[in-house]
Amino acid sequence: MPMNRSHRKLCSSEKWARTVKERVLPWALADVELGTDVLEIGPGYGANLRVLVQQVPRLTAVEIDGATARLLERDYGERARIVHGDGAAMPLDDASYTSVVCFTMLHHVPTDELQDRIFAEAYRVLRPGGVFAGSDSQPSFRFRLLHVRDTMNTVDPATLPARLSAAGFSGIAVDLHPESGSLRFRARKD
């Protein structure tokens, strides 16, 4: 997992899990209809997964780190399908999900090209009419400190609509949180 020790400690903490439940997901998913078959790309330590398993009938999560995928399987395997795999090349069938989501993980993807492959994969596995939604952090002094010796490739909100469009999406919306500056996006597969 491309995170330093401090970052791993934060992302696996109860404090982060509460932040996700109370602030991150409500804002990121406001007015988003997830449907019945949801895929989360890059669940990390499972703070988002913990909330999503209570909100949707069927949930699949694709995690690139093998050890983390095993922890998620242990903790959530009875309520979600956990797949050890790469979000840029998912071992999942075409048009399988009503929605695909990812939260605070895109900045851990080392290149724009790999991020674009994740967008293309999200499009591929979505059913027609499905939504791709999520959020990610934007650079700040505190954010940069947290990512010392970490992978940090933040998504530019100005270029994200064109990148999602290039992956095939339409109905694209990107905006920033008025207080935190975090980015959220929504896009549809026609």
Protein backbone atom coordinates (compact mmCIF):
# COMPACT_ATOMS: atom_id res chain seq x y z
CA MET A 1 0.00 0.00 0.00
CA PRO A 2 1.59 3.33 -1.04
CA MET A 3 1.27 5.02 2.37
CA ASN A 4 3.74 5.93 5.08
CA ARG A 5 3.30 4.72 8.67
CA SER A 6 1.52 7.86 9.93
CA HIS A 7 -0.86 7.78 7.02
CA ARG A 8 -1.64 4.08 7.54
CA LYS A 9 -2.29 4.75 11.23
CA LEU A 10 -4.70 7.58 10.42
CA CYS A 11 -6.58 5.65 7.72
CA SER A 12 -7.06 2.63 9.99
CA SER A 13 -8.24 4.71 12.98
CA GLU A 14 -11.71 4.97 14.49
CA LYS A 15 -11.43 8.75 14.14
CA TRP A 16 -11.11 8.41 10.34
CA ALA A 17 -13.96 5.88 10.27
CA ARG A 18 -16.21 8.43 12.05
CA THR A 19 -15.11 11.18 9.66
CA VAL A 20 -15.98 8.98 6.71
CA LYS A 21 -19.38 8.06 8.13
CA GLU A 22 -20.35 11.55 9.27
CA ARG A 23 -18.74 13.80 6.65
CA VAL A 24 -17.01 12.19 3.68
CA LEU A 25 -19.66 9.76 2.43
CA PRO A 26 -22.73 11.93 3.09
CA TRP A 27 -21.20 14.73 1.02
CA ALA A 28 -19.66 12.54 -1.67
CA LEU A 29 -22.86 10.55 -2.21
CA ALA A 30 -25.49 13.28 -1.73
CA ASP A 31 -28.25 12.70 -4.31
CA VAL A 32 -26.46 9.65 -5.80
CA GLU A 33 -28.62 6.57 -6.40
CA LEU A 34 -26.27 3.61 -5.88
CA GLY A 35 -28.67 0.86 -6.90
CA THR A 36 -28.42 -2.77 -5.87
CA ASP A 37 -24.95 -3.89 -7.03
CA VAL A 38 -22.18 -1.56 -5.89
CA LEU A 39 -18.45 -1.79 -6.49
CA GLU A 40 -15.92 0.11 -4.38
CA ILE A 41 -12.47 0.51 -5.90
CA GLY A 42 -9.63 0.87 -3.38
CA PRO A 43 -11.33 0.43 0.00
CA GLY A 44 -8.04 0.49 1.90
CA TYR A 45 -8.66 -0.31 5.56
CA GLY A 46 -12.43 -0.37 5.04
CA ALA A 47 -13.77 2.86 6.57
CA ASN A 48 -16.04 3.40 3.55
CA LEU A 49 -16.82 -0.28 3.24
CA ARG A 50 -18.03 -0.34 6.83
CA VAL A 51 -20.70 2.23 5.97
CA LEU A 52 -21.58 0.95 2.51
CA VAL A 53 -22.29 -2.64 3.62
CA GLN A 54 -25.14 -1.25 5.72
CA GLN A 55 -26.58 0.83 2.87
CA VAL A 56 -26.61 -1.41 -0.21
CA PRO A 57 -27.89 -4.94 -0.89
CA ARG A 58 -24.76 -6.22 -2.67
CA LEU A 59 -21.26 -4.81 -2.36
CA THR A 60 -18.00 -5.81 -4.01
CA ALA A 61 -14.66 -4.22 -3.14
CA VAL A 62 -11.45 -4.42 -5.19
CA GLU A 63 -8.28 -3.87 -3.13
CA ILE A 64 -4.79 -3.91 -4.68
CA ASP A 65 -2.87 -4.71 -1.49
CA GLY A 66 -3.03 -8.43 -0.70
CA ALA A 67 -2.61 -8.15 3.07
CA THR A 68 -5.27 -5.46 3.27
CA ALA A 69 -7.63 -7.50 1.07
CA ARG A 70 -7.23 -10.42 3.48
CA LEU A 71 -8.08 -8.17 6.45
CA LEU A 72 -11.17 -6.90 4.64
CA GLU A 73 -12.19 -10.48 3.81
CA ARG A 74 -11.85 -11.40 7.48
CA ASP A 75 -13.88 -8.41 8.66
CA TYR A 76 -16.47 -8.00 5.88
CA GLY A 77 -16.38 -11.21 3.85
CA GLU A 78 -19.79 -12.36 5.08
CA ARG A 79 -21.41 -9.08 3.94
CA ALA A 80 -19.32 -8.11 0.91
CA ARG A 81 -17.35 -9.76 -1.86
CA ILE A 82 -13.68 -8.80 -1.45
CA VAL A 83 -11.48 -9.12 -4.53
CA HIS A 84 -7.70 -8.82 -4.42
CA GLY A 85 -7.02 -7.00 -7.65
CA ASP A 86 -5.96 -3.84 -9.42
CA GLY A 87 -8.59 -1.17 -10.06
CA ALA A 88 -6.86 -0.44 -13.38
CA ALA A 89 -7.35 -4.05 -14.56
CA MET A 90 -10.22 -5.55 -12.59
CA PRO A 91 -11.01 -9.27 -12.82
CA LEU A 92 -14.74 -8.47 -13.08
CA ASP A 93 -17.32 -8.95 -15.80
CA ASP A 94 -18.49 -6.15 -18.09
CA ALA A 95 -21.70 -4.30 -17.18
CA SER A 96 -22.02 -5.96 -13.74
CA TYR A 97 -22.66 -3.04 -11.37
CA THR A 98 -25.31 -0.37 -10.89
CA SER A 99 -22.68 1.94 -9.42
CA VAL A 100 -18.93 2.18 -8.93
CA VAL A 101 -17.46 4.34 -6.19
CA CYS A 102 -14.03 5.33 -4.92
CA PHE A 103 -13.15 7.62 -2.04
CA THR A 104 -9.87 9.29 -1.05
CA MET A 105 -7.83 6.79 -3.03
CA LEU A 106 -7.15 8.28 -6.45
CA HIS A 107 -4.28 10.39 -5.10
CA HIS A 108 -2.54 7.11 -4.18
CA VAL A 109 -2.48 6.06 -7.83
CA PRO A 110 1.02 7.06 -9.00
CA THR A 111 0.27 8.30 -12.52
CA ASP A 112 -2.52 10.03 -14.41
CA GLU A 113 -2.41 7.19 -16.93
CA LEU A 114 -3.21 4.61 -14.24
CA GLN A 115 -5.98 6.85 -12.90
CA ASP A 116 -7.39 7.01 -16.43
CA ARG A 117 -7.27 3.20 -16.64
CA ILE A 118 -9.29 3.07 -13.40
CA PHE A 119 -11.86 5.42 -14.97
CA ALA A 120 -12.02 3.19 -18.07
CA GLU A 121 -12.43 0.08 -15.92
CA ALA A 122 -15.20 1.75 -13.89
CA TYR A 123 -16.98 2.49 -17.16
CA ARG A 124 -16.49 -1.08 -18.41
CA VAL A 125 -17.97 -2.77 -15.33
CA LEU A 126 -20.92 -0.38 -15.02
CA ARG A 127 -24.31 -1.29 -16.39
CA PRO A 128 -25.90 1.20 -18.80
CA GLY A 129 -27.50 3.93 -16.69
CA GLY A 130 -25.03 3.29 -13.88
CA VAL A 131 -23.19 5.97 -11.96
CA PHE A 132 -19.51 6.41 -11.11
CA ALA A 133 -19.12 8.60 -8.03
CA GLY A 134 -16.53 9.45 -5.45
CA SER A 135 -14.32 11.97 -3.77
CA ASP A 136 -10.67 12.70 -3.23
CA SER A 137 -8.50 15.11 -1.31
CA GLN A 138 -6.88 18.21 -2.75
CA PRO A 139 -3.42 19.53 -1.87
CA SER A 140 -2.93 21.59 1.28
CA PHE A 141 -0.03 22.05 3.68
CA ARG A 142 -1.40 19.44 6.12
CA PHE A 143 -2.17 17.03 3.27
CA ARG A 144 1.37 17.32 1.93
CA LEU A 145 2.82 16.65 5.41
CA LEU A 146 0.70 13.52 5.73
CA HIS A 147 2.07 12.31 2.40
CA VAL A 148 5.80 12.71 3.04
CA ARG A 149 7.43 9.63 1.42
CA ASP A 150 3.99 8.60 0.22
CA THR A 151 2.42 8.33 -3.20
CA MET A 152 0.57 11.61 -3.81
CA ASN A 153 -0.83 12.30 -7.26
CA THR A 154 -3.88 14.50 -6.71
CA VAL A 155 -6.59 14.79 -9.33
CA ASP A 156 -6.93 18.22 -10.94
CA PRO A 157 -10.62 19.22 -10.77
CA ALA A 158 -10.20 21.33 -13.92
CA THR A 159 -9.12 18.37 -16.07
CA LEU A 160 -11.22 15.62 -14.46
CA PRO A 161 -14.37 16.19 -16.59
CA ALA A 162 -12.41 15.72 -19.84
CA ARG A 163 -10.67 12.64 -18.44
CA LEU A 164 -13.99 11.06 -17.42
CA SER A 165 -15.48 11.95 -20.80
CA ALA A 166 -12.52 10.27 -22.55
CA ALA A 167 -13.36 7.09 -20.57
CA GLY A 168 -16.89 7.20 -22.03
CA PHE A 169 -18.87 8.90 -19.27
CA SER A 170 -21.52 11.58 -19.70
CA GLY A 171 -23.50 13.72 -17.26
CA ILE A 172 -20.26 14.59 -15.50
CA ALA A 173 -20.25 16.87 -12.46
CA VAL A 174 -17.17 17.87 -10.46
CA ASP A 175 -17.18 20.25 -7.53
CA LEU A 176 -15.18 21.17 -4.44
CA HIS A 177 -16.31 21.12 -0.82
CA PRO A 178 -16.66 24.71 0.40
CA GLU A 179 -14.77 24.09 3.66
CA SER A 180 -12.34 21.21 3.12
CA GLY A 181 -11.66 21.81 -0.56
CA SER A 182 -12.10 18.09 -1.25
CA LEU A 183 -13.19 17.11 -4.73
CA ARG A 184 -16.27 15.05 -5.56
CA PHE A 185 -17.42 13.74 -8.91
CA ARG A 186 -20.35 11.97 -10.50
CA ALA A 187 -20.63 10.58 -14.01
CA ARG A 188 -23.02 8.28 -15.89
CA LYS A 189 -22.74 5.47 -18.38
CA ASP A 190 -25.43 5.87 -21.03
